[in-house]
Amino acid sequence: MDVREGATLSFVIRIWIEESSPAPGNVRWRGHITHVPSGRRRYLQALPEIVAFIAPYVEQTGHGPTGGES
């Protein structure tokens, strides 16, 4: 895959685990993701929210699920 500067997307993702109860394995992911060029930030309560935040930026490049390439 030829990665050109114009097709590069930059994000900073910070995630951590919060224990929601004393029961073992009962944890929640928290965090935030920032789109570097715009500074737009979204706070997260679940890992799938990372994909939901990034997807529109990828689709704008024409290389996403709706852009013909996955």
N, C-alpha and C. Protein backbone atom coordinates (compact mmCIF):
# COMPACT_ATOMS: atom_id res chain seq x y z
N MET A 1 0.84 -1.17 0.00
CA MET A 1 0.00 0.00 0.00
C MET A 1 0.88 1.23 0.00
N ASP A 2 0.64 2.15 -0.90
CA ASP A 2 1.39 3.38 -1.01
C ASP A 2 0.76 4.42 -0.08
N VAL A 3 1.47 4.79 0.98
CA VAL A 3 0.95 5.78 1.92
C VAL A 3 1.54 7.13 1.56
N ARG A 4 0.67 8.02 1.13
CA ARG A 4 1.08 9.38 0.79
C ARG A 4 0.71 10.32 1.92
N GLU A 5 1.44 11.41 2.08
CA GLU A 5 1.21 12.35 3.17
C GLU A 5 -0.23 12.83 3.21
N GLY A 6 -0.85 13.08 2.07
CA GLY A 6 -2.23 13.56 2.03
C GLY A 6 -3.23 12.53 2.52
N ALA A 7 -2.87 11.27 2.54
CA ALA A 7 -3.78 10.22 2.97
C ALA A 7 -3.48 9.74 4.39
N THR A 8 -2.65 10.49 5.10
CA THR A 8 -2.28 10.11 6.46
C THR A 8 -3.23 10.76 7.46
N LEU A 9 -3.73 9.97 8.38
CA LEU A 9 -4.62 10.47 9.44
C LEU A 9 -3.91 10.29 10.77
N SER A 10 -4.01 11.28 11.64
CA SER A 10 -3.33 11.21 12.93
C SER A 10 -4.32 11.37 14.08
N PHE A 11 -4.23 10.43 15.03
CA PHE A 11 -5.07 10.44 16.21
C PHE A 11 -4.21 10.11 17.42
N VAL A 12 -4.58 10.66 18.56
CA VAL A 12 -3.96 10.27 19.82
C VAL A 12 -5.06 9.61 20.64
N ILE A 13 -4.78 8.40 21.10
CA ILE A 13 -5.76 7.62 21.88
C ILE A 13 -5.16 7.34 23.25
N ARG A 14 -5.91 7.68 24.28
CA ARG A 14 -5.50 7.36 25.66
C ARG A 14 -6.62 6.56 26.28
N ILE A 15 -6.31 5.34 26.70
CA ILE A 15 -7.32 4.48 27.31
C ILE A 15 -6.80 3.92 28.62
N TRP A 16 -7.73 3.61 29.52
CA TRP A 16 -7.39 3.01 30.79
C TRP A 16 -8.57 2.18 31.27
N ILE A 17 -8.32 1.31 32.22
CA ILE A 17 -9.36 0.44 32.77
C ILE A 17 -9.81 1.01 34.11
N GLU A 18 -11.12 1.05 34.29
CA GLU A 18 -11.70 1.41 35.59
C GLU A 18 -12.45 0.20 36.11
N GLU A 19 -12.17 -0.18 37.31
CA GLU A 19 -12.90 -1.27 37.92
C GLU A 19 -14.26 -0.75 38.36
N SER A 20 -15.32 -1.42 37.91
CA SER A 20 -16.67 -0.94 38.22
C SER A 20 -17.27 -1.61 39.45
N SER A 21 -16.66 -2.69 39.92
CA SER A 21 -17.10 -3.34 41.15
C SER A 21 -15.96 -4.21 41.67
N PRO A 22 -16.05 -4.65 42.91
CA PRO A 22 -14.97 -5.49 43.46
C PRO A 22 -14.88 -6.88 42.82
N ALA A 23 -15.90 -7.31 42.07
CA ALA A 23 -15.87 -8.63 41.44
C ALA A 23 -14.74 -8.71 40.41
N PRO A 24 -13.96 -9.79 40.42
CA PRO A 24 -12.87 -9.92 39.45
C PRO A 24 -13.39 -9.89 38.01
N GLY A 25 -12.67 -9.20 37.16
CA GLY A 25 -13.03 -9.16 35.75
C GLY A 25 -14.11 -8.16 35.40
N ASN A 26 -14.66 -7.48 36.37
CA ASN A 26 -15.73 -6.50 36.10
C ASN A 26 -15.09 -5.12 35.93
N VAL A 27 -14.64 -4.85 34.69
CA VAL A 27 -13.93 -3.61 34.41
C VAL A 27 -14.60 -2.88 33.25
N ARG A 28 -14.29 -1.60 33.13
CA ARG A 28 -14.76 -0.77 32.02
C ARG A 28 -13.57 -0.04 31.42
N TRP A 29 -13.59 0.06 30.10
CA TRP A 29 -12.58 0.87 29.42
C TRP A 29 -13.07 2.30 29.38
N ARG A 30 -12.19 3.22 29.67
CA ARG A 30 -12.45 4.66 29.58
C ARG A 30 -11.30 5.29 28.81
N GLY A 31 -11.51 6.49 28.34
CA GLY A 31 -10.43 7.18 27.67
C GLY A 31 -10.92 8.31 26.81
N HIS A 32 -10.03 8.76 25.95
CA HIS A 32 -10.40 9.77 24.97
C HIS A 32 -9.54 9.60 23.73
N ILE A 33 -10.08 10.09 22.61
CA ILE A 33 -9.38 10.07 21.34
C ILE A 33 -9.42 11.48 20.77
N THR A 34 -8.29 11.92 20.23
CA THR A 34 -8.17 13.26 19.67
C THR A 34 -7.71 13.16 18.23
N HIS A 35 -8.43 13.86 17.33
CA HIS A 35 -8.00 14.00 15.95
C HIS A 35 -6.96 15.11 15.96
N VAL A 36 -5.71 14.79 15.64
CA VAL A 36 -4.60 15.72 15.81
C VAL A 36 -4.77 17.02 15.01
N PRO A 37 -5.06 16.98 13.70
CA PRO A 37 -5.12 18.24 12.96
C PRO A 37 -6.20 19.21 13.45
N SER A 38 -7.36 18.71 13.83
CA SER A 38 -8.46 19.60 14.22
C SER A 38 -8.52 19.84 15.73
N GLY A 39 -7.92 18.94 16.50
CA GLY A 39 -8.01 19.03 17.95
C GLY A 39 -9.33 18.51 18.51
N ARG A 40 -10.19 18.00 17.64
CA ARG A 40 -11.49 17.47 18.09
C ARG A 40 -11.25 16.25 18.97
N ARG A 41 -11.92 16.23 20.13
CA ARG A 41 -11.72 15.15 21.09
C ARG A 41 -13.07 14.53 21.46
N ARG A 42 -13.04 13.22 21.67
CA ARG A 42 -14.23 12.50 22.13
C ARG A 42 -13.83 11.62 23.31
N TYR A 43 -14.63 11.68 24.35
CA TYR A 43 -14.40 10.84 25.52
C TYR A 43 -15.08 9.49 25.29
N LEU A 44 -14.44 8.42 25.75
CA LEU A 44 -14.88 7.06 25.46
C LEU A 44 -15.29 6.31 26.71
N GLN A 45 -16.29 5.45 26.55
CA GLN A 45 -16.69 4.55 27.62
C GLN A 45 -16.64 3.09 27.17
N ALA A 46 -16.28 2.87 25.90
CA ALA A 46 -16.18 1.52 25.35
C ALA A 46 -15.23 1.56 24.16
N LEU A 47 -14.47 0.50 23.97
CA LEU A 47 -13.48 0.46 22.89
C LEU A 47 -14.07 0.62 21.49
N PRO A 48 -15.27 0.10 21.18
CA PRO A 48 -15.81 0.30 19.83
C PRO A 48 -16.03 1.77 19.46
N GLU A 49 -16.08 2.65 20.44
CA GLU A 49 -16.23 4.07 20.16
C GLU A 49 -15.01 4.64 19.44
N ILE A 50 -13.87 3.98 19.56
CA ILE A 50 -12.68 4.41 18.83
C ILE A 50 -12.93 4.32 17.33
N VAL A 51 -13.44 3.18 16.89
CA VAL A 51 -13.73 2.97 15.46
C VAL A 51 -14.80 3.95 15.00
N ALA A 52 -15.82 4.16 15.81
CA ALA A 52 -16.90 5.08 15.44
C ALA A 52 -16.38 6.50 15.25
N PHE A 53 -15.40 6.90 16.03
CA PHE A 53 -14.83 8.25 15.90
C PHE A 53 -13.97 8.37 14.65
N ILE A 54 -13.17 7.34 14.37
CA ILE A 54 -12.22 7.39 13.25
C ILE A 54 -12.91 7.19 11.90
N ALA A 55 -13.96 6.39 11.85
CA ALA A 55 -14.59 5.99 10.58
C ALA A 55 -14.92 7.16 9.65
N PRO A 56 -15.54 8.24 10.12
CA PRO A 56 -15.85 9.34 9.18
C PRO A 56 -14.61 9.95 8.54
N TYR A 57 -13.51 10.03 9.27
CA TYR A 57 -12.28 10.57 8.70
C TYR A 57 -11.73 9.65 7.62
N VAL A 58 -11.78 8.34 7.86
CA VAL A 58 -11.32 7.37 6.87
C VAL A 58 -12.20 7.42 5.63
N GLU A 59 -13.50 7.50 5.82
CA GLU A 59 -14.42 7.56 4.68
C GLU A 59 -14.19 8.80 3.83
N GLN A 60 -13.79 9.91 4.44
CA GLN A 60 -13.51 11.13 3.68
C GLN A 60 -12.33 10.96 2.73
N THR A 61 -11.44 10.03 3.04
CA THR A 61 -10.29 9.78 2.14
C THR A 61 -10.70 8.93 0.95
N GLY A 62 -11.90 8.33 1.00
CA GLY A 62 -12.33 7.45 -0.08
C GLY A 62 -11.82 6.03 0.08
N HIS A 63 -11.26 5.71 1.23
CA HIS A 63 -10.69 4.38 1.48
C HIS A 63 -11.32 3.74 2.72
N GLY A 64 -12.61 3.70 2.76
CA GLY A 64 -13.29 3.09 3.88
C GLY A 64 -14.34 2.13 3.40
N PRO A 65 -15.13 1.61 4.31
CA PRO A 65 -16.18 0.66 3.93
C PRO A 65 -17.13 1.19 2.88
N THR A 66 -17.39 2.51 2.89
CA THR A 66 -18.30 3.07 1.88
C THR A 66 -17.54 3.68 0.72
N GLY A 67 -16.21 3.70 0.79
CA GLY A 67 -15.42 4.32 -0.25
C GLY A 67 -14.84 3.36 -1.26
N GLY A 68 -15.20 2.09 -1.17
CA GLY A 68 -14.73 1.14 -2.16
C GLY A 68 -13.57 0.28 -1.71
N GLU A 69 -12.85 0.68 -0.68
CA GLU A 69 -11.73 -0.11 -0.19
C GLU A 69 -11.90 -0.31 1.30
N SER A 70 -11.65 -1.51 1.81
CA SER A 70 -11.81 -1.75 3.25
C SER A 70 -10.50 -2.05 3.91
